[in-house]
C-alpha atoms as a PDB file:
ATOM      1  CA  MET A   1      -8.731 -56.757 129.181  1.00  0.00           C
ATOM      2  CA  LEU A   2     -10.594 -56.992 132.411  1.00  0.00           C
ATOM      3  CA  LYS A   3     -13.717 -57.278 130.071  1.00  0.00           C
ATOM      4  CA  GLU A   4     -12.293 -60.023 128.207  1.00  0.00           C
ATOM      5  CA  PHE A   5     -11.683 -61.843 131.066  1.00  0.00           C
ATOM      6  CA  LYS A   6     -14.889 -61.145 132.909  1.00  0.00           C
ATOM      7  CA  ALA A   7     -16.612 -62.349 129.920  1.00  0.00           C
ATOM      8  CA  PHE A   8     -14.275 -65.680 129.557  1.00  0.00           C
ATOM      9  CA  ILE A   9     -15.079 -66.596 133.567  1.00  0.00           C
ATOM     10  CA  MET A  10     -18.990 -65.786 133.050  1.00  0.00           C
ATOM     11  CA  ARG A  11     -19.491 -68.544 130.080  1.00  0.00           C
ATOM     12  CA  GLY A  12     -21.067 -71.288 130.537  1.00  0.00           C
ATOM     13  CA  ASN A  13     -18.186 -73.878 129.821  1.00  0.00           C
ATOM     14  CA  VAL A  14     -16.036 -72.434 132.322  1.00  0.00           C
ATOM     15  CA  VAL A  15     -18.546 -72.039 134.969  1.00  0.00           C
ATOM     16  CA  ASP A  16     -19.438 -75.574 134.282  1.00  0.00           C
ATOM     17  CA  LEU A  17     -15.734 -76.705 134.418  1.00  0.00           C
ATOM     18  CA  ALA A  18     -15.086 -75.265 137.814  1.00  0.00           C
ATOM     19  CA  VAL A  19     -18.131 -76.648 139.531  1.00  0.00           C
ATOM     20  CA  ALA A  20     -17.001 -79.740 138.286  1.00  0.00           C
ATOM     21  CA  VAL A  21     -13.988 -79.906 139.232  1.00  0.00           C
ATOM     22  CA  ILE A  22     -14.877 -78.991 142.840  1.00  0.00           C
ATOM     23  CA  LEU A  23     -17.824 -81.194 143.013  1.00  0.00           C
ATOM     24  CA  GLY A  24     -15.966 -84.390 141.859  1.00  0.00           C
ATOM     25  CA  THR A  25     -13.091 -83.216 144.452  1.00  0.00           C
ATOM     26  CA  ALA A  26     -15.602 -83.334 147.191  1.00  0.00           C
ATOM     27  CA  PHE A  27     -16.944 -86.452 146.276  1.00  0.00           C
ATOM     28  CA  GLY A  28     -13.312 -87.996 145.958  1.00  0.00           C
ATOM     29  CA  ALA A  29     -13.054 -87.273 149.697  1.00  0.00           C
ATOM     30  CA  ILE A  30     -15.830 -89.241 150.076  1.00  0.00           C
ATOM     31  CA  VAL A  31     -15.133 -92.550 148.045  1.00  0.00           C
ATOM     32  CA  THR A  32     -11.216 -91.895 149.777  1.00  0.00           C
ATOM     33  CA  SER A  33     -13.373 -92.159 153.338  1.00  0.00           C
ATOM     34  CA  LEU A  34     -15.261 -94.836 152.309  1.00  0.00           C
ATOM     35  CA  VAL A  35     -12.566 -96.846 151.354  1.00  0.00           C
ATOM     36  CA  THR A  36      -9.750 -95.783 154.190  1.00  0.00           C
ATOM     37  CA  ASP A  37     -12.036 -96.010 156.925  1.00  0.00           C
ATOM     38  CA  ILE A  38     -14.889 -98.395 155.910  1.00  0.00           C
ATOM     39  CA  ILE A  39     -14.573-100.883 153.452  1.00  0.00           C
ATOM     40  CA  THR A  40     -10.360-101.370 154.365  1.00  0.00           C
ATOM     41  CA  PRO A  41     -11.077-101.893 158.142  1.00  0.00           C
ATOM     42  CA  LEU A  42     -13.774-104.099 157.192  1.00  0.00           C
ATOM     43  CA  ILE A  43     -11.768-106.114 155.069  1.00  0.00           C
ATOM     44  CA  LEU A  44      -8.799-106.635 157.672  1.00  0.00           C
ATOM     45  CA  LYS A  45     -10.449-106.926 160.240  1.00  0.00           C
ATOM     46  CA  PRO A  46     -11.173-110.654 159.976  1.00  0.00           C
ATOM     47  CA  VAL A  47      -7.338-111.133 158.587  1.00  0.00           C
ATOM     48  CA  MET A  48      -5.962-109.434 161.513  1.00  0.00           C
ATOM     49  CA  THR A  49      -7.831-111.992 163.867  1.00  0.00           C
ATOM     50  CA  THR A  50      -6.260-114.960 161.781  1.00  0.00           C
ATOM     51  CA  LEU A  51      -3.336-113.376 162.050  1.00  0.00           C
ATOM     52  CA  ASN A  52      -3.458-112.879 165.801  1.00  0.00           C
ATOM     53  CA  VAL A  53      -2.586-108.846 165.631  1.00  0.00           C
ATOM     54  CA  HIS A  54      -4.590-106.296 167.595  1.00  0.00           C
ATOM     55  CA  LYS A  55      -2.778-103.241 166.646  1.00  0.00           C
ATOM     56  CA  LEU A  56      -5.409-101.696 164.180  1.00  0.00           C
ATOM     57  CA  GLU A  57      -8.038-101.953 167.138  1.00  0.00           C
ATOM     58  CA  GLU A  58      -6.167-100.574 169.633  1.00  0.00           C
ATOM     59  CA  ILE A  59      -5.801 -97.558 167.078  1.00  0.00           C
ATOM     60  CA  LYS A  60      -9.182 -97.413 166.102  1.00  0.00           C
ATOM     61  CA  THR A  61     -12.590 -98.247 167.425  1.00  0.00           C
ATOM     62  CA  ASP A  62     -15.389-100.655 166.864  1.00  0.00           C
ATOM     63  CA  GLY A  63     -13.081-103.023 165.145  1.00  0.00           C
ATOM     64  CA  GLY A  64     -11.407-100.368 163.426  1.00  0.00           C
ATOM     65  CA  VAL A  65     -14.542 -98.850 161.445  1.00  0.00           C
ATOM     66  CA  MET A  66     -14.401 -95.234 161.646  1.00  0.00           C
ATOM     67  CA  TYR A  67     -18.662 -94.354 160.688  1.00  0.00           C
ATOM     68  CA  GLY A  68     -17.795 -91.395 161.783  1.00  0.00           C
ATOM     69  CA  LYS A  69     -14.958 -89.788 159.335  1.00  0.00           C
ATOM     70  CA  PHE A  70     -17.296 -91.299 156.370  1.00  0.00           C
ATOM     71  CA  ILE A  71     -20.114 -89.674 157.990  1.00  0.00           C
ATOM     72  CA  ALA A  72     -18.246 -86.324 158.077  1.00  0.00           C
ATOM     73  CA  SER A  73     -17.131 -86.985 154.753  1.00  0.00           C
ATOM     74  CA  VAL A  74     -21.059 -86.846 153.029  1.00  0.00           C
ATOM     75  CA  ILE A  75     -21.470 -83.476 155.227  1.00  0.00           C
ATOM     76  CA  ASN A  76     -18.753 -81.788 153.620  1.00  0.00           C
ATOM     77  CA  PHE A  77     -19.749 -82.430 150.499  1.00  0.00           C
ATOM     78  CA  LEU A  78     -23.529 -82.280 150.976  1.00  0.00           C
ATOM     79  CA  VAL A  79     -22.197 -78.264 152.382  1.00  0.00           C
ATOM     80  CA  VAL A  80     -19.758 -78.394 149.829  1.00  0.00           C
ATOM     81  CA  SER A  81     -22.508 -78.830 146.686  1.00  0.00           C
ATOM     82  CA  PHE A  82     -24.794 -76.444 148.806  1.00  0.00           C
ATOM     83  CA  CYS A  83     -22.877 -73.721 148.361  1.00  0.00           C
ATOM     84  CA  ILE A  84     -21.526 -74.363 144.480  1.00  0.00           C
ATOM     85  CA  PHE A  85     -25.306 -74.410 143.948  1.00  0.00           C
ATOM     86  CA  LEU A  86     -26.092 -71.082 145.844  1.00  0.00           C
ATOM     87  CA  MET A  87     -23.204 -69.460 143.428  1.00  0.00           C
ATOM     88  CA  VAL A  88     -23.952 -70.650 140.340  1.00  0.00           C
ATOM     89  CA  LYS A  89     -27.903 -69.064 141.138  1.00  0.00           C
ATOM     90  CA  GLY A  90     -26.580 -66.377 142.030  1.00  0.00           C
ATOM     91  CA  MET A  91     -24.502 -66.182 139.024  1.00  0.00           C
ATOM     92  CA  ASN A  92     -27.637 -67.050 136.979  1.00  0.00           C
ATOM     93  CA  ARG A  93     -29.665 -64.212 138.607  1.00  0.00           C
ATOM     94  CA  ALA A  94     -27.344 -61.631 138.075  1.00  0.00           C
ATOM     95  CA  LEU A  95     -27.119 -63.014 134.466  1.00  0.00           C
ATOM     96  CA  THR A  96     -31.108 -62.468 133.923  1.00  0.00           C
ATOM     97  CA  LEU A  97     -30.967 -58.810 135.583  1.00  0.00           C
ATOM     98  CA  ARG A  98     -28.428 -57.780 132.954  1.00  0.00           C
ATOM     99  CA  LYS A  99     -30.145 -59.508 130.333  1.00  0.00           C
ATOM    100  CA  LYS A 100     -33.129 -58.176 131.185  1.00  0.00           C
ATOM    101  CA  LYS A 101     -32.256 -54.544 132.156  1.00  0.00           C
ATOM    102  CA  GLU A 102     -30.348 -54.588 128.095  1.00  0.00           C
ATOM    103  CA  ASP A 103     -34.068 -55.720 126.886  1.00  0.00           C
ATOM    104  CA  GLU A 104     -35.686 -53.036 128.650  1.00  0.00           C
ATOM    105  CA  THR A 105     -33.216 -50.224 126.986  1.00  0.00           C
ATOM    106  CA  PRO A 106     -35.559 -48.633 124.451  1.00  0.00           C
ATOM    107  CA  ALA A 107     -34.370 -49.452 121.071  1.00  0.00           C
ATOM    108  CA  PRO A 108     -33.864 -46.587 118.828  1.00  0.00           C
ATOM    109  CA  PRO A 109     -36.745 -45.418 116.897  1.00  0.00           C
ATOM    110  CA  VAL A 110     -36.853 -47.129 113.420  1.00  0.00           C
ATOM    111  CA  GLU A 111     -36.666 -44.792 110.603  1.00  0.00           C
ATOM    112  CA  PRO A 112     -39.314 -45.388 107.999  1.00  0.00           C
ATOM    113  CA  SER A 113     -38.597 -47.740 104.986  1.00  0.00           C
ATOM    114  CA  ASN A 114     -38.790 -45.876 100.963  1.00  0.00           C
ATOM    115  CA  GLU A 115     -41.882 -47.199 100.490  1.00  0.00           C
ATOM    116  CA  GLU A 116     -43.318 -45.299 103.758  1.00  0.00           C
ATOM    117  CA  LYS A 117     -41.500 -41.754 102.589  1.00  0.00           C
ATOM    118  CA  LEU A 118     -42.377 -42.589  98.956  1.00  0.00           C
ATOM    119  CA  LEU A 119     -46.279 -42.355 100.401  1.00  0.00           C
ATOM    120  CA  THR A 120     -45.775 -39.239 102.610  1.00  0.00           C
ATOM    121  CA  GLU A 121     -44.577 -37.432  99.952  1.00  0.00           C
ATOM    122  CA  ILE A 122     -47.576 -38.247  97.957  1.00  0.00           C
ATOM    123  CA  ARG A 123     -49.720 -37.460 100.599  1.00  0.00           C
ATOM    124  CA  ASP A 124     -48.004 -34.694 101.171  1.00  0.00           C
ATOM    125  CA  LEU A 125     -48.185 -32.976  97.392  1.00  0.00           C
ATOM    126  CA  LEU A 126     -52.391 -34.164  97.402  1.00  0.00           C
ATOM    127  CA  LYS A 127     -52.648 -32.267 100.544  1.00  0.00           C
ATOM    128  CA  ASN A 128     -51.031 -29.397  99.082  1.00  0.00           C
ATOM    129  CA  ARG A 129     -52.701 -29.306  96.059  1.00  0.00           C
END
């Protein structure tokens, strides 16, 4: 059962799906940060200025735009992506080494065909004459 589970996990489709989910989640954080920390404050700042409301500017600095959070989300995505890249690269290398090891095992000697056996018998009979 453990071998079957290992074979299931090491299949390309499962690994691809796992990588896609992880990277999708990390990229989702970038989009969320872009909307929450950059776009929304840029849209709300003129509206709040027009309405003479200053609470958002008291809570957030630089006119409500939080570039630092967005940059942190981008850096987080790059770090997660690099770690996933290293993990997949290691898995591919392990699979390559495993295949190479399997290829290096000597194949059992090939049994001569019926034709070769017959020719060998004829040769031996002629030799003994």
